[in-house]
Amino acid sequence: MLVKNNLVVKLPRPRVDALVEAGKGGYFDPGHGRLMKEWISVDLDSKSLWQSLAKEAKEYVAKQNHKKLA
């Protein structure tokens, strides 16, 4: 999803941690002061990553949904 010109996607927590540590984005704060550790917010400065992160997030969420249905 897009939030204030940032791409926000859900990824596994270790992946989000690694991206944040590498300076590629930040933990998503939906506005109530609680950072969501499985969601990363990536700004326009890292827009070159958007497509690959969106694909990665789609695959991750599809696996999570598949597990719930099994």
N, C-alpha and C. Protein backbone atom coordinates (compact mmCIF):
# COMPACT_ATOMS: atom_id res chain seq x y z
N MET A 1 0.84 -1.18 0.00
CA MET A 1 0.00 0.00 0.00
C MET A 1 0.88 1.24 0.00
N LEU A 2 0.33 2.33 -0.44
CA LEU A 2 1.04 3.61 -0.40
C LEU A 2 0.51 4.44 0.76
N VAL A 3 1.42 4.93 1.59
CA VAL A 3 1.07 5.77 2.72
C VAL A 3 2.01 6.96 2.72
N LYS A 4 1.46 8.15 2.48
CA LYS A 4 2.26 9.38 2.46
C LYS A 4 3.48 9.25 1.55
N ASN A 5 3.26 8.78 0.34
CA ASN A 5 4.30 8.60 -0.68
C ASN A 5 5.35 7.56 -0.32
N ASN A 6 5.06 6.69 0.63
CA ASN A 6 5.94 5.58 0.98
C ASN A 6 5.26 4.28 0.61
N LEU A 7 6.05 3.32 0.13
CA LEU A 7 5.54 1.98 -0.08
C LEU A 7 5.61 1.25 1.26
N VAL A 8 4.51 0.62 1.65
CA VAL A 8 4.45 -0.13 2.90
C VAL A 8 4.07 -1.56 2.57
N VAL A 9 4.94 -2.50 2.96
CA VAL A 9 4.69 -3.92 2.66
C VAL A 9 4.96 -4.77 3.89
N LYS A 10 4.32 -5.95 3.89
CA LYS A 10 4.52 -6.91 4.97
C LYS A 10 5.53 -7.95 4.52
N LEU A 11 6.55 -8.15 5.36
CA LEU A 11 7.62 -9.12 5.09
C LEU A 11 7.96 -9.81 6.41
N PRO A 12 8.69 -10.91 6.35
CA PRO A 12 9.11 -11.56 7.60
C PRO A 12 9.94 -10.59 8.45
N ARG A 13 9.76 -10.68 9.76
CA ARG A 13 10.45 -9.74 10.65
C ARG A 13 11.97 -9.71 10.44
N PRO A 14 12.66 -10.86 10.28
CA PRO A 14 14.11 -10.78 10.07
C PRO A 14 14.47 -9.99 8.79
N ARG A 15 13.66 -10.11 7.77
CA ARG A 15 13.92 -9.36 6.52
C ARG A 15 13.71 -7.87 6.75
N VAL A 16 12.64 -7.51 7.46
CA VAL A 16 12.38 -6.10 7.76
C VAL A 16 13.52 -5.55 8.61
N ASP A 17 13.94 -6.31 9.63
CA ASP A 17 15.05 -5.87 10.47
C ASP A 17 16.30 -5.59 9.63
N ALA A 18 16.61 -6.50 8.71
CA ALA A 18 17.80 -6.33 7.86
C ALA A 18 17.68 -5.10 6.98
N LEU A 19 16.51 -4.87 6.41
CA LEU A 19 16.32 -3.70 5.54
C LEU A 19 16.44 -2.40 6.35
N VAL A 20 15.87 -2.39 7.54
CA VAL A 20 15.96 -1.20 8.40
C VAL A 20 17.42 -0.95 8.79
N GLU A 21 18.11 -2.01 9.19
CA GLU A 21 19.53 -1.86 9.58
C GLU A 21 20.38 -1.37 8.42
N ALA A 22 20.00 -1.74 7.18
CA ALA A 22 20.75 -1.31 6.00
C ALA A 22 20.35 0.10 5.55
N GLY A 23 19.39 0.70 6.25
CA GLY A 23 18.97 2.05 5.90
C GLY A 23 18.05 2.14 4.70
N LYS A 24 17.41 1.03 4.35
CA LYS A 24 16.54 0.99 3.17
C LYS A 24 15.11 1.42 3.48
N GLY A 25 14.76 1.53 4.74
CA GLY A 25 13.41 1.92 5.13
C GLY A 25 13.29 1.92 6.64
N GLY A 26 12.05 2.07 7.11
CA GLY A 26 11.81 2.09 8.54
C GLY A 26 10.60 1.24 8.89
N TYR A 27 10.50 0.89 10.16
CA TYR A 27 9.33 0.15 10.60
C TYR A 27 8.09 1.02 10.40
N PHE A 28 7.01 0.42 9.96
CA PHE A 28 5.78 1.18 9.69
C PHE A 28 5.07 1.52 10.99
N ASP A 29 4.70 2.78 11.13
CA ASP A 29 3.89 3.25 12.24
C ASP A 29 2.55 3.69 11.67
N PRO A 30 1.47 2.93 11.97
CA PRO A 30 0.17 3.28 11.41
C PRO A 30 -0.45 4.53 12.03
N GLY A 31 0.25 5.19 12.94
CA GLY A 31 -0.23 6.45 13.45
C GLY A 31 -0.59 6.45 14.92
N HIS A 32 -0.48 5.32 15.56
CA HIS A 32 -0.82 5.30 16.99
C HIS A 32 0.41 5.06 17.86
N GLY A 33 1.61 5.25 17.28
CA GLY A 33 2.85 5.17 18.02
C GLY A 33 3.39 3.77 18.25
N ARG A 34 2.76 2.77 17.66
CA ARG A 34 3.23 1.39 17.83
C ARG A 34 3.83 0.93 16.51
N LEU A 35 5.14 0.71 16.48
CA LEU A 35 5.79 0.27 15.26
C LEU A 35 5.41 -1.17 14.95
N MET A 36 5.12 -1.44 13.70
CA MET A 36 4.74 -2.77 13.27
C MET A 36 5.98 -3.46 12.72
N LYS A 37 6.46 -4.48 13.41
CA LYS A 37 7.76 -5.09 13.13
C LYS A 37 7.78 -5.97 11.88
N GLU A 38 6.63 -6.33 11.34
CA GLU A 38 6.60 -7.11 10.09
C GLU A 38 6.22 -6.24 8.89
N TRP A 39 6.20 -4.94 9.09
CA TRP A 39 5.85 -4.02 8.02
C TRP A 39 6.96 -3.00 7.87
N ILE A 40 7.37 -2.79 6.61
CA ILE A 40 8.41 -1.79 6.34
C ILE A 40 7.84 -0.68 5.48
N SER A 41 8.27 0.53 5.76
CA SER A 41 7.90 1.71 5.00
C SER A 41 9.14 2.18 4.25
N VAL A 42 9.02 2.24 2.92
CA VAL A 42 10.16 2.58 2.07
C VAL A 42 9.83 3.87 1.32
N ASP A 43 10.65 4.89 1.50
CA ASP A 43 10.36 6.19 0.90
C ASP A 43 10.84 6.29 -0.54
N LEU A 44 10.60 7.43 -1.12
CA LEU A 44 10.94 7.65 -2.53
C LEU A 44 12.44 7.54 -2.81
N ASP A 45 13.29 7.79 -1.80
CA ASP A 45 14.73 7.68 -2.01
C ASP A 45 15.15 6.25 -2.36
N SER A 46 14.34 5.28 -1.94
CA SER A 46 14.62 3.87 -2.24
C SER A 46 13.60 3.29 -3.20
N LYS A 47 13.04 4.15 -4.05
CA LYS A 47 11.98 3.72 -4.97
C LYS A 47 12.45 2.60 -5.89
N SER A 48 13.75 2.51 -6.15
CA SER A 48 14.26 1.45 -7.03
C SER A 48 14.00 0.06 -6.42
N LEU A 49 13.76 -0.01 -5.13
CA LEU A 49 13.48 -1.29 -4.46
C LEU A 49 12.00 -1.65 -4.46
N TRP A 50 11.14 -0.70 -4.77
CA TRP A 50 9.70 -0.91 -4.62
C TRP A 50 9.20 -2.16 -5.34
N GLN A 51 9.54 -2.32 -6.58
CA GLN A 51 9.01 -3.44 -7.35
C GLN A 51 9.44 -4.78 -6.76
N SER A 52 10.71 -4.92 -6.43
CA SER A 52 11.17 -6.19 -5.88
C SER A 52 10.58 -6.45 -4.49
N LEU A 53 10.43 -5.41 -3.67
CA LEU A 53 9.84 -5.59 -2.35
C LEU A 53 8.36 -5.93 -2.45
N ALA A 54 7.66 -5.33 -3.41
CA ALA A 54 6.24 -5.65 -3.60
C ALA A 54 6.07 -7.11 -4.00
N LYS A 55 6.93 -7.58 -4.87
CA LYS A 55 6.87 -8.99 -5.29
C LYS A 55 7.18 -9.91 -4.11
N GLU A 56 8.21 -9.56 -3.36
CA GLU A 56 8.59 -10.35 -2.19
C GLU A 56 7.45 -10.40 -1.17
N ALA A 57 6.81 -9.26 -0.95
CA ALA A 57 5.69 -9.19 0.00
C ALA A 57 4.51 -10.02 -0.48
N LYS A 58 4.22 -9.96 -1.77
CA LYS A 58 3.12 -10.75 -2.33
C LYS A 58 3.34 -12.24 -2.09
N GLU A 59 4.56 -12.69 -2.33
CA GLU A 59 4.90 -14.11 -2.13
C GLU A 59 4.81 -14.48 -0.65
N TYR A 60 5.28 -13.60 0.22
CA TYR A 60 5.25 -13.88 1.65
C TYR A 60 3.81 -13.98 2.16
N VAL A 61 2.99 -13.04 1.78
CA VAL A 61 1.60 -13.04 2.24
C VAL A 61 0.84 -14.23 1.66
N ALA A 62 1.12 -14.59 0.43
CA ALA A 62 0.46 -15.76 -0.18
C ALA A 62 0.81 -17.02 0.62
N LYS A 63 2.05 -17.15 1.04
CA LYS A 63 2.46 -18.32 1.84
C LYS A 63 1.74 -18.32 3.19
N GLN A 64 1.62 -17.13 3.80
CA GLN A 64 0.94 -17.02 5.09
C GLN A 64 -0.52 -17.41 4.96
N ASN A 65 -1.17 -16.97 3.90
CA ASN A 65 -2.58 -17.29 3.68
C ASN A 65 -2.75 -18.78 3.38
N HIS A 66 -1.81 -19.36 2.65
CA HIS A 66 -1.87 -20.79 2.33
C HIS A 66 -1.78 -21.61 3.61
N LYS A 67 -0.90 -21.20 4.52
CA LYS A 67 -0.75 -21.91 5.80
C LYS A 67 -2.04 -21.86 6.61
N LYS A 68 -2.73 -20.72 6.58
CA LYS A 68 -3.98 -20.57 7.32
C LYS A 68 -5.08 -21.48 6.77
N LEU A 69 -5.07 -21.70 5.46
CA LEU A 69 -6.10 -22.52 4.81
C LEU A 69 -5.83 -24.00 4.95
N ALA A 70 -4.58 -24.37 5.22
CA ALA A 70 -4.21 -25.79 5.31
C ALA A 70 -4.63 -26.41 6.62
